[in-house]
Amino acid sequence: MAAAASERVETNPAGKSDSPASSVVIVDLGKQKRKEIKELRKGTGKLMDEVRDTLAELRGNGTISSTAEPVVLIVREKLRKPKMWF
């Protein structure tokens, strides 16, 4: 699966050496609903599927090694729309 328009992936953004201690994968999933974030924390749901697909794609391309584990997820919760009470 190709990276979605709202998804940004960076590998080793600081430009440091490719030693195992400094290889970090950052997956920016953008703004998401509260429910989706809760499911992600449990390791389930649509966002977890996106993370798995992204890692599989990066491993397939050879961007990261097949044993790479460090993953940092950046997710911002969408603001709720105010309800009008009359």
PDB file of N, CA and C in Angstrom:
ATOM      1  N   MET A   1       0.844  -1.179   0.000  1.00  0.00           N
ATOM      2  CA  MET A   1       0.000   0.000   0.000  1.00  0.00           C
ATOM      3  C   MET A   1       0.886   1.238   0.000  1.00  0.00           C
ATOM      4  N   ALA A   2       0.601   2.179  -0.822  1.00  0.00           N
ATOM      5  CA  ALA A   2       1.383   3.403  -0.884  1.00  0.00           C
ATOM      6  C   ALA A   2       1.024   4.303   0.281  1.00  0.00           C
ATOM      7  N   ALA A   3       1.952   5.165   0.665  1.00  0.00           N
ATOM      8  CA  ALA A   3       1.709   6.084   1.771  1.00  0.00           C
ATOM      9  C   ALA A   3       0.580   7.037   1.399  1.00  0.00           C
ATOM     10  N   ALA A   4      -0.346   7.204   2.333  1.00  0.00           N
ATOM     11  CA  ALA A   4      -1.487   8.086   2.101  1.00  0.00           C
ATOM     12  C   ALA A   4      -1.025   9.534   2.078  1.00  0.00           C
ATOM     13  N   ALA A   5      -1.878  10.408   1.562  1.00  0.00           N
ATOM     14  CA  ALA A   5      -1.517  11.811   1.447  1.00  0.00           C
ATOM     15  C   ALA A   5      -1.298  12.442   2.817  1.00  0.00           C
ATOM     16  N   SER A   6      -2.032  11.977   3.841  1.00  0.00           N
ATOM     17  CA  SER A   6      -1.899  12.561   5.165  1.00  0.00           C
ATOM     18  C   SER A   6      -0.807  11.888   5.979  1.00  0.00           C
ATOM     19  N   GLU A   7      -0.137  10.920   5.405  1.00  0.00           N
ATOM     20  CA  GLU A   7       0.864  10.149   6.132  1.00  0.00           C
ATOM     21  C   GLU A   7       2.246  10.531   5.655  1.00  0.00           C
ATOM     22  N   ARG A   8       3.126  10.860   6.586  1.00  0.00           N
ATOM     23  CA  ARG A   8       4.484  11.221   6.231  1.00  0.00           C
ATOM     24  C   ARG A   8       5.434  10.269   6.937  1.00  0.00           C
ATOM     25  N   VAL A   9       6.373   9.723   6.222  1.00  0.00           N
ATOM     26  CA  VAL A   9       7.330   8.776   6.785  1.00  0.00           C
ATOM     27  C   VAL A   9       8.729   9.334   6.606  1.00  0.00           C
ATOM     28  N   GLU A  10       9.496   9.359   7.685  1.00  0.00           N
ATOM     29  CA  GLU A  10      10.885   9.793   7.627  1.00  0.00           C
ATOM     30  C   GLU A  10      11.731   8.715   8.273  1.00  0.00           C
ATOM     31  N   THR A  11      12.865   8.437   7.680  1.00  0.00           N
ATOM     32  CA  THR A  11      13.812   7.523   8.287  1.00  0.00           C
ATOM     33  C   THR A  11      15.085   8.277   8.565  1.00  0.00           C
ATOM     34  N   ASN A  12      15.532   8.225   9.806  1.00  0.00           N
ATOM     35  CA  ASN A  12      16.751   8.875  10.241  1.00  0.00           C
ATOM     36  C   ASN A  12      16.779  10.346   9.821  1.00  0.00           C
ATOM     37  N   PRO A  13      15.792  11.155  10.279  1.00  0.00           N
ATOM     38  CA  PRO A  13      15.679  12.533   9.814  1.00  0.00           C
ATOM     39  C   PRO A  13      16.834  13.438  10.223  1.00  0.00           C
ATOM     40  N   ALA A  14      17.574  13.088  11.270  1.00  0.00           N
ATOM     41  CA  ALA A  14      18.648  13.956  11.728  1.00  0.00           C
ATOM     42  C   ALA A  14      19.898  13.832  10.868  1.00  0.00           C
ATOM     43  N   GLY A  15      19.923  12.824   9.974  1.00  0.00           N
ATOM     44  CA  GLY A  15      21.068  12.656   9.092  1.00  0.00           C
ATOM     45  C   GLY A  15      22.267  12.040   9.778  1.00  0.00           C
ATOM     46  N   LYS A  16      22.048  11.369  10.885  1.00  0.00           N
ATOM     47  CA  LYS A  16      23.140  10.735  11.624  1.00  0.00           C
ATOM     48  C   LYS A  16      23.488   9.408  10.973  1.00  0.00           C
ATOM     49  N   SER A  17      24.466   8.719  11.555  1.00  0.00           N
ATOM     50  CA  SER A  17      24.909   7.445  10.997  1.00  0.00           C
ATOM     51  C   SER A  17      23.800   6.408  11.090  1.00  0.00           C
ATOM     52  N   ASP A  18      23.931   5.331  10.319  1.00  0.00           N
ATOM     53  CA  ASP A  18      22.923   4.299  10.273  1.00  0.00           C
ATOM     54  C   ASP A  18      23.167   3.186  11.290  1.00  0.00           C
ATOM     55  N   SER A  19      23.736   3.513  12.435  1.00  0.00           N
ATOM     56  CA  SER A  19      23.933   2.499  13.461  1.00  0.00           C
ATOM     57  C   SER A  19      22.577   2.112  14.035  1.00  0.00           C
ATOM     58  N   PRO A  20      22.441   0.886  14.566  1.00  0.00           N
ATOM     59  CA  PRO A  20      21.151   0.434  15.086  1.00  0.00           C
ATOM     60  C   PRO A  20      20.587   1.326  16.177  1.00  0.00           C
ATOM     61  N   ALA A  21      21.438   1.969  16.956  1.00  0.00           N
ATOM     62  CA  ALA A  21      20.965   2.815  18.044  1.00  0.00           C
ATOM     63  C   ALA A  21      20.321   4.093  17.520  1.00  0.00           C
ATOM     64  N   SER A  22      20.715   4.555  16.347  1.00  0.00           N
ATOM     65  CA  SER A  22      20.196   5.823  15.851  1.00  0.00           C
ATOM     66  C   SER A  22      19.164   5.652  14.734  1.00  0.00           C
ATOM     67  N   SER A  23      18.876   4.413  14.320  1.00  0.00           N
ATOM     68  CA  SER A  23      17.894   4.236  13.254  1.00  0.00           C
ATOM     69  C   SER A  23      16.490   4.311  13.845  1.00  0.00           C
ATOM     70  N   VAL A  24      15.805   5.354  13.500  1.00  0.00           N
ATOM     71  CA  VAL A  24      14.466   5.596  14.012  1.00  0.00           C
ATOM     72  C   VAL A  24      13.532   5.820  12.836  1.00  0.00           C
ATOM     73  N   VAL A  25      12.355   5.250  12.905  1.00  0.00           N
ATOM     74  CA  VAL A  25      11.347   5.443  11.880  1.00  0.00           C
ATOM     75  C   VAL A  25      10.247   6.308  12.471  1.00  0.00           C
ATOM     76  N   ILE A  26       9.913   7.391  11.813  1.00  0.00           N
ATOM     77  CA  ILE A  26       8.858   8.280  12.280  1.00  0.00           C
ATOM     78  C   ILE A  26       7.717   8.201  11.290  1.00  0.00           C
ATOM     79  N   VAL A  27       6.535   7.849  11.783  1.00  0.00           N
ATOM     80  CA  VAL A  27       5.343   7.761  10.953  1.00  0.00           C
ATOM     81  C   VAL A  27       4.364   8.826  11.443  1.00  0.00           C
ATOM     82  N   ASP A  28       4.101   9.815  10.630  1.00  0.00           N
ATOM     83  CA  ASP A  28       3.175  10.884  10.983  1.00  0.00           C
ATOM     84  C   ASP A  28       1.819  10.543  10.392  1.00  0.00           C
ATOM     85  N   LEU A  29       0.861  10.226  11.251  1.00  0.00           N
ATOM     86  CA  LEU A  29      -0.472   9.839  10.802  1.00  0.00           C
ATOM     87  C   LEU A  29      -1.439  11.020  10.751  1.00  0.00           C
ATOM     88  N   GLY A  30      -0.991  12.198  11.127  1.00  0.00           N
ATOM     89  CA  GLY A  30      -1.832  13.383  11.063  1.00  0.00           C
ATOM     90  C   GLY A  30      -2.931  13.382  12.105  1.00  0.00           C
ATOM     91  N   LYS A  31      -3.935  14.201  11.895  1.00  0.00           N
ATOM     92  CA  LYS A  31      -5.042  14.299  12.837  1.00  0.00           C
ATOM     93  C   LYS A  31      -5.985  13.114  12.658  1.00  0.00           C
ATOM     94  N   GLN A  32      -6.365  12.533  13.784  1.00  0.00           N
ATOM     95  CA  GLN A  32      -7.248  11.374  13.761  1.00  0.00           C
ATOM     96  C   GLN A  32      -8.310  11.509  14.841  1.00  0.00           C
ATOM     97  N   LYS A  33      -9.363  10.750  14.709  1.00  0.00           N
ATOM     98  CA  LYS A  33     -10.440  10.769  15.684  1.00  0.00           C
ATOM     99  C   LYS A  33     -10.001  10.105  16.980  1.00  0.00           C
ATOM    100  N   ARG A  34     -10.627  10.516  18.071  1.00  0.00           N
ATOM    101  CA  ARG A  34     -10.310   9.996  19.397  1.00  0.00           C
ATOM    102  C   ARG A  34     -10.449   8.477  19.456  1.00  0.00           C
ATOM    103  N   LYS A  35     -11.498   7.949  18.855  1.00  0.00           N
ATOM    104  CA  LYS A  35     -11.742   6.509  18.869  1.00  0.00           C
ATOM    105  C   LYS A  35     -10.615   5.756  18.169  1.00  0.00           C
ATOM    106  N   GLU A  36     -10.156   6.290  17.034  1.00  0.00           N
ATOM    107  CA  GLU A  36      -9.072   5.652  16.289  1.00  0.00           C
ATOM    108  C   GLU A  36      -7.776   5.645  17.102  1.00  0.00           C
ATOM    109  N   ILE A  37      -7.520   6.721  17.855  1.00  0.00           N
ATOM    110  CA  ILE A  37      -6.318   6.802  18.677  1.00  0.00           C
ATOM    111  C   ILE A  37      -6.379   5.781  19.810  1.00  0.00           C
ATOM    112  N   LYS A  38      -7.553   5.636  20.422  1.00  0.00           N
ATOM    113  CA  LYS A  38      -7.712   4.651  21.496  1.00  0.00           C
ATOM    114  C   LYS A  38      -7.473   3.239  20.980  1.00  0.00           C
ATOM    115  N   GLU A  39      -7.997   2.946  19.794  1.00  0.00           N
ATOM    116  CA  GLU A  39      -7.784   1.622  19.208  1.00  0.00           C
ATOM    117  C   GLU A  39      -6.306   1.398  18.887  1.00  0.00           C
ATOM    118  N   LEU A  40      -5.623   2.437  18.423  1.00  0.00           N
ATOM    119  CA  LEU A  40      -4.199   2.328  18.123  1.00  0.00           C
ATOM    120  C   LEU A  40      -3.408   2.004  19.388  1.00  0.00           C
ATOM    121  N   ARG A  41      -3.758   2.632  20.499  1.00  0.00           N
ATOM    122  CA  ARG A  41      -3.071   2.353  21.765  1.00  0.00           C
ATOM    123  C   ARG A  41      -3.250   0.904  22.189  1.00  0.00           C
ATOM    124  N   LYS A  42      -4.380   0.301  21.824  1.00  0.00           N
ATOM    125  CA  LYS A  42      -4.642  -1.103  22.145  1.00  0.00           C
ATOM    126  C   LYS A  42      -3.979  -2.048  21.139  1.00  0.00           C
ATOM    127  N   GLY A  43      -3.464  -1.489  20.047  1.00  0.00           N
ATOM    128  CA  GLY A  43      -2.813  -2.299  19.029  1.00  0.00           C
ATOM    129  C   GLY A  43      -3.779  -2.849  17.999  1.00  0.00           C
ATOM    130  N   THR A  44      -4.941  -2.222  17.858  1.00  0.00           N
ATOM    131  CA  THR A  44      -5.935  -2.669  16.892  1.00  0.00           C
ATOM    132  C   THR A  44      -6.401  -1.477  16.060  1.00  0.00           C
ATOM    133  N   GLY A  45      -7.280  -1.735  15.134  1.00  0.00           N
ATOM    134  CA  GLY A  45      -7.928  -0.665  14.387  1.00  0.00           C
ATOM    135  C   GLY A  45      -7.263  -0.288  13.079  1.00  0.00           C
ATOM    136  N   LYS A  46      -7.883   0.693  12.435  1.00  0.00           N
ATOM    137  CA  LYS A  46      -7.459   1.152  11.115  1.00  0.00           C
ATOM    138  C   LYS A  46      -6.056   1.749  11.133  1.00  0.00           C
ATOM    139  N   LEU A  47      -5.735   2.528  12.163  1.00  0.00           N
ATOM    140  CA  LEU A  47      -4.420   3.162  12.218  1.00  0.00           C
ATOM    141  C   LEU A  47      -3.307   2.133  12.413  1.00  0.00           C
ATOM    142  N   MET A  48      -3.571   1.103  13.192  1.00  0.00           N
ATOM    143  CA  MET A  48      -2.570   0.053  13.384  1.00  0.00           C
ATOM    144  C   MET A  48      -2.319  -0.673  12.067  1.00  0.00           C
ATOM    145  N   ASP A  49      -3.383  -0.874  11.293  1.00  0.00           N
ATOM    146  CA  ASP A  49      -3.221  -1.483   9.971  1.00  0.00           C
ATOM    147  C   ASP A  49      -2.352  -0.609   9.074  1.00  0.00           C
ATOM    148  N   GLU A  50      -2.542   0.716   9.143  1.00  0.00           N
ATOM    149  CA  GLU A  50      -1.727   1.635   8.352  1.00  0.00           C
ATOM    150  C   GLU A  50      -0.256   1.544   8.745  1.00  0.00           C
ATOM    151  N   VAL A  51       0.002   1.447  10.055  1.00  0.00           N
ATOM    152  CA  VAL A  51       1.376   1.350  10.540  1.00  0.00           C
ATOM    153  C   VAL A  51       2.008   0.051  10.046  1.00  0.00           C
ATOM    154  N   ARG A  52       1.280  -1.050  10.159  1.00  0.00           N
ATOM    155  CA  ARG A  52       1.801  -2.340   9.685  1.00  0.00           C
ATOM    156  C   ARG A  52       2.091  -2.303   8.187  1.00  0.00           C
ATOM    157  N   ASP A  53       1.170  -1.722   7.420  1.00  0.00           N
ATOM    158  CA  ASP A  53       1.364  -1.628   5.969  1.00  0.00           C
ATOM    159  C   ASP A  53       2.584  -0.770   5.625  1.00  0.00           C
ATOM    160  N   THR A  54       2.744   0.340   6.341  1.00  0.00           N
ATOM    161  CA  THR A  54       3.871   1.231   6.096  1.00  0.00           C
ATOM    162  C   THR A  54       5.189   0.531   6.400  1.00  0.00           C
ATOM    163  N   LEU A  55       5.245  -0.176   7.538  1.00  0.00           N
ATOM    164  CA  LEU A  55       6.468  -0.908   7.880  1.00  0.00           C
ATOM    165  C   LEU A  55       6.768  -1.999   6.866  1.00  0.00           C
ATOM    166  N   ALA A  56       5.729  -2.703   6.422  1.00  0.00           N
ATOM    167  CA  ALA A  56       5.931  -3.752   5.423  1.00  0.00           C
ATOM    168  C   ALA A  56       6.475  -3.165   4.121  1.00  0.00           C
ATOM    169  N   GLU A  57       5.946  -2.015   3.729  1.00  0.00           N
ATOM    170  CA  GLU A  57       6.412  -1.358   2.506  1.00  0.00           C
ATOM    171  C   GLU A  57       7.862  -0.907   2.644  1.00  0.00           C
ATOM    172  N   LEU A  58       8.216  -0.323   3.796  1.00  0.00           N
ATOM    173  CA  LEU A  58       9.589   0.137   4.011  1.00  0.00           C
ATOM    174  C   LEU A  58      10.560  -1.034   4.057  1.00  0.00           C
ATOM    175  N   ARG A  59      10.140  -2.149   4.652  1.00  0.00           N
ATOM    176  CA  ARG A  59      10.995  -3.340   4.685  1.00  0.00           C
ATOM    177  C   ARG A  59      11.145  -3.928   3.287  1.00  0.00           C
ATOM    178  N   GLY A  60      10.059  -3.912   2.512  1.00  0.00           N
ATOM    179  CA  GLY A  60      10.103  -4.436   1.153  1.00  0.00           C
ATOM    180  C   GLY A  60      11.003  -3.624   0.251  1.00  0.00           C
ATOM    181  N   ASN A  61      11.015  -2.310   0.435  1.00  0.00           N
ATOM    182  CA  ASN A  61      11.866  -1.425  -0.367  1.00  0.00           C
ATOM    183  C   ASN A  61      13.316  -1.471   0.063  1.00  0.00           C
ATOM    184  N   GLY A  62      13.574  -2.022   1.247  1.00  0.00           N
ATOM    185  CA  GLY A  62      14.934  -2.032   1.771  1.00  0.00           C
ATOM    186  C   GLY A  62      15.311  -0.752   2.470  1.00  0.00           C
ATOM    187  N   THR A  63      14.341   0.122   2.727  1.00  0.00           N
ATOM    188  CA  THR A  63      14.611   1.376   3.419  1.00  0.00           C
ATOM    189  C   THR A  63      15.025   1.118   4.857  1.00  0.00           C
ATOM    190  N   ILE A  64      14.381   0.148   5.495  1.00  0.00           N
ATOM    191  CA  ILE A  64      14.748  -0.250   6.846  1.00  0.00           C
ATOM    192  C   ILE A  64      15.023  -1.748   6.846  1.00  0.00           C
ATOM    193  N   SER A  65      15.768  -2.202   7.834  1.00  0.00           N
ATOM    194  CA  SER A  65      16.080  -3.633   7.898  1.00  0.00           C
ATOM    195  C   SER A  65      14.851  -4.407   8.364  1.00  0.00           C
ATOM    196  N   SER A  66      14.852  -5.695   8.097  1.00  0.00           N
ATOM    197  CA  SER A  66      13.709  -6.524   8.466  1.00  0.00           C
ATOM    198  C   SER A  66      13.595  -6.717   9.971  1.00  0.00           C
ATOM    199  N   THR A  67      14.649  -6.392  10.725  1.00  0.00           N
ATOM    200  CA  THR A  67      14.611  -6.540  12.175  1.00  0.00           C
ATOM    201  C   THR A  67      14.423  -5.213  12.901  1.00  0.00           C
ATOM    202  N   ALA A  68      14.249  -4.131  12.161  1.00  0.00           N
ATOM    203  CA  ALA A  68      14.086  -2.816  12.785  1.00  0.00           C
ATOM    204  C   ALA A  68      12.807  -2.777  13.614  1.00  0.00           C
ATOM    205  N   GLU A  69      12.914  -2.324  14.854  1.00  0.00           N
ATOM    206  CA  GLU A  69      11.762  -2.258  15.733  1.00  0.00           C
ATOM    207  C   GLU A  69      11.358  -0.863  16.164  1.00  0.00           C
ATOM    208  N   PRO A  70      12.282   0.093  16.335  1.00  0.00           N
ATOM    209  CA  PRO A  70      11.867   1.395  16.869  1.00  0.00           C
ATOM    210  C   PRO A  70      10.906   2.112  15.925  1.00  0.00           C
ATOM    211  N   VAL A  71       9.743   2.443  16.459  1.00  0.00           N
ATOM    212  CA  VAL A  71       8.742   3.173  15.683  1.00  0.00           C
ATOM    213  C   VAL A  71       8.184   4.276  16.570  1.00  0.00           C
ATOM    214  N   VAL A  72       8.155   5.485  16.068  1.00  0.00           N
ATOM    215  CA  VAL A  72       7.585   6.615  16.781  1.00  0.00           C
ATOM    216  C   VAL A  72       6.369   7.063  15.997  1.00  0.00           C
ATOM    217  N   LEU A  73       5.213   7.101  16.644  1.00  0.00           N
ATOM    218  CA  LEU A  73       3.986   7.528  15.983  1.00  0.00           C
ATOM    219  C   LEU A  73       3.601   8.909  16.467  1.00  0.00           C
ATOM    220  N   ILE A  74       3.303   9.781  15.537  1.00  0.00           N
ATOM    221  CA  ILE A  74       2.864  11.122  15.880  1.00  0.00           C
ATOM    222  C   ILE A  74       1.421  11.245  15.424  1.00  0.00           C
ATOM    223  N   VAL A  75       0.524  11.381  16.392  1.00  0.00           N
ATOM    224  CA  VAL A  75      -0.894  11.458  16.083  1.00  0.00           C
ATOM    225  C   VAL A  75      -1.481  12.634  16.862  1.00  0.00           C
ATOM    226  N   ARG A  76      -2.244  13.463  16.192  1.00  0.00           N
ATOM    227  CA  ARG A  76      -2.928  14.569  16.839  1.00  0.00           C
ATOM    228  C   ARG A  76      -4.417  14.298  16.798  1.00  0.00           C
ATOM    229  N   GLU A  77      -5.062  14.533  17.911  1.00  0.00           N
ATOM    230  CA  GLU A  77      -6.489  14.286  17.997  1.00  0.00           C
ATOM    231  C   GLU A  77      -7.260  15.421  17.329  1.00  0.00           C
ATOM    232  N   LYS A  78      -8.245  15.040  16.529  1.00  0.00           N
ATOM    233  CA  LYS A  78      -9.084  16.045  15.901  1.00  0.00           C
ATOM    234  C   LYS A  78      -9.907  16.747  16.964  1.00  0.00           C
ATOM    235  N   LEU A  79     -10.090  18.034  16.805  1.00  0.00           N
ATOM    236  CA  LEU A  79     -10.947  18.770  17.729  1.00  0.00           C
ATOM    237  C   LEU A  79     -12.400  18.398  17.479  1.00  0.00           C
ATOM    238  N   ARG A  80     -13.120  18.279  18.561  1.00  0.00           N
ATOM    239  CA  ARG A  80     -14.545  17.984  18.426  1.00  0.00           C
ATOM    240  C   ARG A  80     -15.281  19.226  17.966  1.00  0.00           C
ATOM    241  N   LYS A  81     -16.302  19.013  17.178  1.00  0.00           N
ATOM    242  CA  LYS A  81     -17.134  20.129  16.760  1.00  0.00           C
ATOM    243  C   LYS A  81     -18.046  20.493  17.927  1.00  0.00           C
ATOM    244  N   PRO A  82     -18.166  21.768  18.235  1.00  0.00           N
ATOM    245  CA  PRO A  82     -19.039  22.150  19.346  1.00  0.00           C
ATOM    246  C   PRO A  82     -20.509  21.862  19.008  1.00  0.00           C
ATOM    247  N   LYS A  83     -21.203  21.339  19.987  1.00  0.00           N
ATOM    248  CA  LYS A  83     -22.628  21.074  19.792  1.00  0.00           C
ATOM    249  C   LYS A  83     -23.418  22.305  20.192  1.00  0.00           C
ATOM    250  N   MET A  84     -24.411  22.586  19.417  1.00  0.00           N
ATOM    251  CA  MET A  84     -25.251  23.755  19.674  1.00  0.00           C
ATOM    252  C   MET A  84     -26.387  23.358  20.608  1.00  0.00           C
ATOM    253  N   TRP A  85     -26.451  23.980  21.727  1.00  0.00           N
ATOM    254  CA  TRP A  85     -27.526  23.700  22.693  1.00  0.00           C
ATOM    255  C   TRP A  85     -28.466  24.896  22.731  1.00  0.00           C
ATOM    256  N   PHE A  86     -29.698  24.665  22.356  1.00  0.00           N
ATOM    257  CA  PHE A  86     -30.691  25.736  22.379  1.00  0.00           C
ATOM    258  C   PHE A  86     -31.824  25.360  23.283  1.00  0.00           C
TER     259      PHE A  86
END
